[in-house]
Amino acid sequence: MEPRTSKVATPEGRAGARSQSDPADRPDEREPLSGWPPRDILAPFVLLAVSMQRAHGYVIEDYLRAFGLFGITMSTLYRTLRQMEKDGFLESTWEPGPTGPARRVYTITDAGHDWLDSSATMLDTYRQTIDRFLDLYGAGPGANRPDGDATTDKNGTRDTETDAKRTDQKETPR
């Protein structure tokens, strides 16, 4: 049996394939949801972290974890940082570490700020779409579910008139 692959968007916007069995892509044990975060959401978080302060990889990793992004491996993070540098969104310099070897410190560029702004707009649009979904989904137990508490028509949509009649019948003493 061949390992499953899934399509992923790379930070530079190209589609790629990722093997589900690739050890570098396995989620951290603390990750709350399988497959979270999606790869295309990593780049905006990295840019946001670097826009707040110049940082090396481990500082960026700590920032991502503080936001609940536990499933990011260091190899994925460094690949993303290198690609973002190639794309002109980040610059890096080697600086001596306080007690150890030199480390690469990343700084956001003007192009990175522009991309971060457009990413924020895109994420806001996603958030609005997700909010609409959750509003509909959370409309109550059985909302829009043929097998739920709400009365539904043959299309599986909620029939509020029938629900109101049933409520009236329950309240009317016999």
Foldseek 3Di string as FASTA:
>chain_A
DDFDWDWAQACVGDIDIDGPPPPQQAFDPPQPDPCPPGNNVVLLLLLVQQAVDWAFQVSSVVSCVVVRRRGHGSVSSVVNVVVCVVVVQKDWDWDQDPPDGTTIIIHGDPVVVVVSVVVVVVVVVVVVVVVVVCCQVVVDFLALAPPTPFDADPVSHGDVVVVVVVVVVVPDDD
